Amino acid sequence: MLKVESLRLTKAMNEDPEFALVARFWSGRFRVGIGDDARIVQIDNGRVEHIEDEPTVFDEWDFSIGGPSDGWEKMLQPEPRPFYQDIWSAVFWHDFTIEGDLEQFFAYHAAVRRTIQLMRQLVSV
């Protein structure tokens, strides 16, 4: 199964100038589901405050992105094949989902996209 250490991802997101730009003003929580594994990322004013590694059904989130483990393996390749480059295209062409507050998702879609790019870099290392 794909694993990206939460502390490394937090550090990468908080030190990335592109993420800082596209996430500015964002305060919220989003869930990332990779197969049966899930994490919740807490963002406060554009900075990652915490990543919950083992969320429960009682943990709140604003929106959720998710997909099967094998789909994430394709998404996190150094050069993903067509329709695995972005979560939105993966929703239409593969078994990925976006649920919850879609207005917030679209407002910060660029930040989510950058998060996936950073995950891709950390998995490739």
C-alpha atoms as a PDB file:
ATOM      1  CA  MET A   1       0.000   0.000   0.000  1.00  0.00           C
ATOM      2  CA  LEU A   2       1.122   3.557  -0.686  1.00  0.00           C
ATOM      3  CA  LYS A   3       2.356   5.413   2.333  1.00  0.00           C
ATOM      4  CA  VAL A   4       3.391   9.011   2.591  1.00  0.00           C
ATOM      5  CA  GLU A   5       4.562   9.889   6.085  1.00  0.00           C
ATOM      6  CA  SER A   6       2.328  12.614   7.502  1.00  0.00           C
ATOM      7  CA  LEU A   7       5.166  14.619   9.045  1.00  0.00           C
ATOM      8  CA  ARG A   8       7.086  14.674   5.759  1.00  0.00           C
ATOM      9  CA  LEU A   9       3.955  15.700   3.855  1.00  0.00           C
ATOM     10  CA  THR A  10       3.176  18.427   6.398  1.00  0.00           C
ATOM     11  CA  LYS A  11       6.723  19.780   6.102  1.00  0.00           C
ATOM     12  CA  ALA A  12       6.646  19.610   2.288  1.00  0.00           C
ATOM     13  CA  MET A  13       3.311  21.432   2.091  1.00  0.00           C
ATOM     14  CA  ASN A  14       4.287  24.134   4.586  1.00  0.00           C
ATOM     15  CA  GLU A  15       7.662  24.776   2.926  1.00  0.00           C
ATOM     16  CA  ASP A  16       6.330  24.812  -0.646  1.00  0.00           C
ATOM     17  CA  PRO A  17       5.905  28.335  -2.079  1.00  0.00           C
ATOM     18  CA  GLU A  18       3.377  27.162  -4.687  1.00  0.00           C
ATOM     19  CA  PHE A  19       1.181  25.532  -2.032  1.00  0.00           C
ATOM     20  CA  ALA A  20       1.443  28.678   0.119  1.00  0.00           C
ATOM     21  CA  LEU A  21       0.210  30.777  -2.799  1.00  0.00           C
ATOM     22  CA  VAL A  22      -2.749  28.601  -3.816  1.00  0.00           C
ATOM     23  CA  ALA A  23      -3.781  27.750  -0.231  1.00  0.00           C
ATOM     24  CA  ARG A  24      -3.629  31.287   1.165  1.00  0.00           C
ATOM     25  CA  PHE A  25      -6.726  32.168   3.185  1.00  0.00           C
ATOM     26  CA  TRP A  26      -7.815  28.497   3.325  1.00  0.00           C
ATOM     27  CA  SER A  27      -8.932  27.163   6.673  1.00  0.00           C
ATOM     28  CA  GLY A  28     -10.591  23.774   6.614  1.00  0.00           C
ATOM     29  CA  ARG A  29     -10.260  20.015   6.733  1.00  0.00           C
ATOM     30  CA  PHE A  30     -10.162  17.562   3.873  1.00  0.00           C
ATOM     31  CA  ARG A  31     -10.074  13.794   3.881  1.00  0.00           C
ATOM     32  CA  VAL A  32      -7.843  11.755   1.583  1.00  0.00           C
ATOM     33  CA  GLY A  33      -8.929   8.145   1.091  1.00  0.00           C
ATOM     34  CA  ILE A  34      -6.449   5.705  -0.424  1.00  0.00           C
ATOM     35  CA  GLY A  35      -8.265   2.403  -0.582  1.00  0.00           C
ATOM     36  CA  ASP A  36      -9.229   1.550   2.998  1.00  0.00           C
ATOM     37  CA  ASP A  37      -6.651   3.976   4.421  1.00  0.00           C
ATOM     38  CA  ALA A  38      -7.684   7.561   5.172  1.00  0.00           C
ATOM     39  CA  ARG A  39      -6.158  10.743   6.525  1.00  0.00           C
ATOM     40  CA  ILE A  40      -7.590  14.119   7.376  1.00  0.00           C
ATOM     41  CA  VAL A  41      -5.543  17.225   6.645  1.00  0.00           C
ATOM     42  CA  GLN A  42      -6.249  20.249   8.874  1.00  0.00           C
ATOM     43  CA  ILE A  43      -5.331  23.577   7.276  1.00  0.00           C
ATOM     44  CA  ASP A  44      -5.427  26.941   9.040  1.00  0.00           C
ATOM     45  CA  ASN A  45      -4.970  30.087   6.958  1.00  0.00           C
ATOM     46  CA  GLY A  46      -3.002  28.225   4.293  1.00  0.00           C
ATOM     47  CA  ARG A  47      -0.722  26.214   6.595  1.00  0.00           C
ATOM     48  CA  VAL A  48      -1.060  22.555   7.497  1.00  0.00           C
ATOM     49  CA  GLU A  49      -1.654  22.364  11.218  1.00  0.00           C
ATOM     50  CA  HIS A  50      -2.073  18.617  11.532  1.00  0.00           C
ATOM     51  CA  ILE A  51      -2.635  15.424   9.565  1.00  0.00           C
ATOM     52  CA  GLU A  52      -4.767  12.853  11.366  1.00  0.00           C
ATOM     53  CA  ASP A  53      -3.413   9.420  10.402  1.00  0.00           C
ATOM     54  CA  GLU A  54      -6.224   7.312  11.814  1.00  0.00           C
ATOM     55  CA  PRO A  55      -9.465   9.259  11.594  1.00  0.00           C
ATOM     56  CA  THR A  56     -12.679   7.777  12.900  1.00  0.00           C
ATOM     57  CA  VAL A  57     -16.221   8.152  11.602  1.00  0.00           C
ATOM     58  CA  PHE A  58     -16.643  10.891  14.216  1.00  0.00           C
ATOM     59  CA  ASP A  59     -13.895  13.112  12.765  1.00  0.00           C
ATOM     60  CA  GLU A  60     -15.277  15.966  10.703  1.00  0.00           C
ATOM     61  CA  TRP A  61     -14.065  17.066   7.293  1.00  0.00           C
ATOM     62  CA  ASP A  62     -15.271  19.591   4.728  1.00  0.00           C
ATOM     63  CA  PHE A  63     -14.700  17.510   1.619  1.00  0.00           C
ATOM     64  CA  SER A  64     -13.197  14.163   0.787  1.00  0.00           C
ATOM     65  CA  ILE A  65     -11.193  12.891  -2.162  1.00  0.00           C
ATOM     66  CA  GLY A  66     -10.663   9.184  -2.561  1.00  0.00           C
ATOM     67  CA  GLY A  67     -10.010   6.253  -4.783  1.00  0.00           C
ATOM     68  CA  PRO A  68      -8.813   2.665  -4.874  1.00  0.00           C
ATOM     69  CA  SER A  69      -5.232   1.845  -3.878  1.00  0.00           C
ATOM     70  CA  ASP A  70      -4.294   0.729  -7.386  1.00  0.00           C
ATOM     71  CA  GLY A  71      -5.684   3.993  -8.780  1.00  0.00           C
ATOM     72  CA  TRP A  72      -3.573   6.002  -6.337  1.00  0.00           C
ATOM     73  CA  GLU A  73      -0.520   3.982  -7.380  1.00  0.00           C
ATOM     74  CA  LYS A  74      -1.149   5.208 -10.930  1.00  0.00           C
ATOM     75  CA  MET A  75      -1.924   8.762  -9.752  1.00  0.00           C
ATOM     76  CA  LEU A  76       1.310   8.996  -7.754  1.00  0.00           C
ATOM     77  CA  GLN A  77       3.618   7.766 -10.514  1.00  0.00           C
ATOM     78  CA  PRO A  78       6.371  10.284 -11.391  1.00  0.00           C
ATOM     79  CA  GLU A  79       4.670  10.804 -14.765  1.00  0.00           C
ATOM     80  CA  PRO A  80       1.083   9.565 -14.458  1.00  0.00           C
ATOM     81  CA  ARG A  81      -0.729   8.363 -17.534  1.00  0.00           C
ATOM     82  CA  PRO A  82      -3.666  10.353 -18.939  1.00  0.00           C
ATOM     83  CA  PHE A  83      -6.556  11.054 -16.569  1.00  0.00           C
ATOM     84  CA  TYR A  84      -4.454  10.196 -13.519  1.00  0.00           C
ATOM     85  CA  GLN A  85      -2.683  13.578 -13.470  1.00  0.00           C
ATOM     86  CA  ASP A  86      -5.458  15.256 -11.476  1.00  0.00           C
ATOM     87  CA  ILE A  87      -8.166  14.165  -9.038  1.00  0.00           C
ATOM     88  CA  TRP A  88     -10.917  15.790 -11.120  1.00  0.00           C
ATOM     89  CA  SER A  89     -10.135  13.813 -14.286  1.00  0.00           C
ATOM     90  CA  ALA A  90      -9.743  10.650 -12.185  1.00  0.00           C
ATOM     91  CA  VAL A  91     -13.301  11.151 -10.906  1.00  0.00           C
ATOM     92  CA  PHE A  92     -14.656  11.161 -14.459  1.00  0.00           C
ATOM     93  CA  TRP A  93     -12.488   8.418 -15.938  1.00  0.00           C
ATOM     94  CA  HIS A  94     -11.640   6.153 -13.003  1.00  0.00           C
ATOM     95  CA  ASP A  95     -13.124   5.070  -9.674  1.00  0.00           C
ATOM     96  CA  PHE A  96     -12.233   8.214  -7.722  1.00  0.00           C
ATOM     97  CA  THR A  97     -14.699  10.292  -5.722  1.00  0.00           C
ATOM     98  CA  ILE A  98     -15.116  13.807  -4.403  1.00  0.00           C
ATOM     99  CA  GLU A  99     -17.695  14.269  -1.664  1.00  0.00           C
ATOM    100  CA  GLY A 100     -18.792  16.989   0.709  1.00  0.00           C
ATOM    101  CA  ASP A 101     -18.439  20.742   0.274  1.00  0.00           C
ATOM    102  CA  LEU A 102     -17.757  21.027  -3.461  1.00  0.00           C
ATOM    103  CA  GLU A 103     -17.646  24.818  -3.270  1.00  0.00           C
ATOM    104  CA  GLN A 104     -14.647  24.607  -0.931  1.00  0.00           C
ATOM    105  CA  PHE A 105     -13.073  21.885  -3.085  1.00  0.00           C
ATOM    106  CA  PHE A 106     -13.277  24.042  -6.210  1.00  0.00           C
ATOM    107  CA  ALA A 107     -12.097  27.147  -4.353  1.00  0.00           C
ATOM    108  CA  TYR A 108      -8.921  25.277  -3.344  1.00  0.00           C
ATOM    109  CA  HIS A 109      -8.642  22.743  -6.166  1.00  0.00           C
ATOM    110  CA  ALA A 110      -5.209  24.137  -7.067  1.00  0.00           C
ATOM    111  CA  ALA A 111      -4.039  23.506  -3.480  1.00  0.00           C
ATOM    112  CA  VAL A 112      -5.382  19.937  -3.600  1.00  0.00           C
ATOM    113  CA  ARG A 113      -3.646  19.424  -6.943  1.00  0.00           C
ATOM    114  CA  ARG A 114      -0.381  20.723  -5.461  1.00  0.00           C
ATOM    115  CA  THR A 115      -0.814  18.435  -2.451  1.00  0.00           C
ATOM    116  CA  ILE A 116      -1.059  15.446  -4.810  1.00  0.00           C
ATOM    117  CA  GLN A 117       2.039  16.639  -6.680  1.00  0.00           C
ATOM    118  CA  LEU A 118       3.935  16.818  -3.379  1.00  0.00           C
ATOM    119  CA  MET A 119       2.685  13.345  -2.431  1.00  0.00           C
ATOM    120  CA  ARG A 120       3.943  12.151  -5.831  1.00  0.00           C
ATOM    121  CA  GLN A 121       7.400  13.544  -5.054  1.00  0.00           C
ATOM    122  CA  LEU A 122       7.499  11.946  -1.607  1.00  0.00           C
ATOM    123  CA  VAL A 123       6.403   8.540  -2.891  1.00  0.00           C
ATOM    124  CA  SER A 124       9.022   8.690  -5.671  1.00  0.00           C
ATOM    125  CA  VAL A 125      11.866   9.446  -3.256  1.00  0.00           C
END
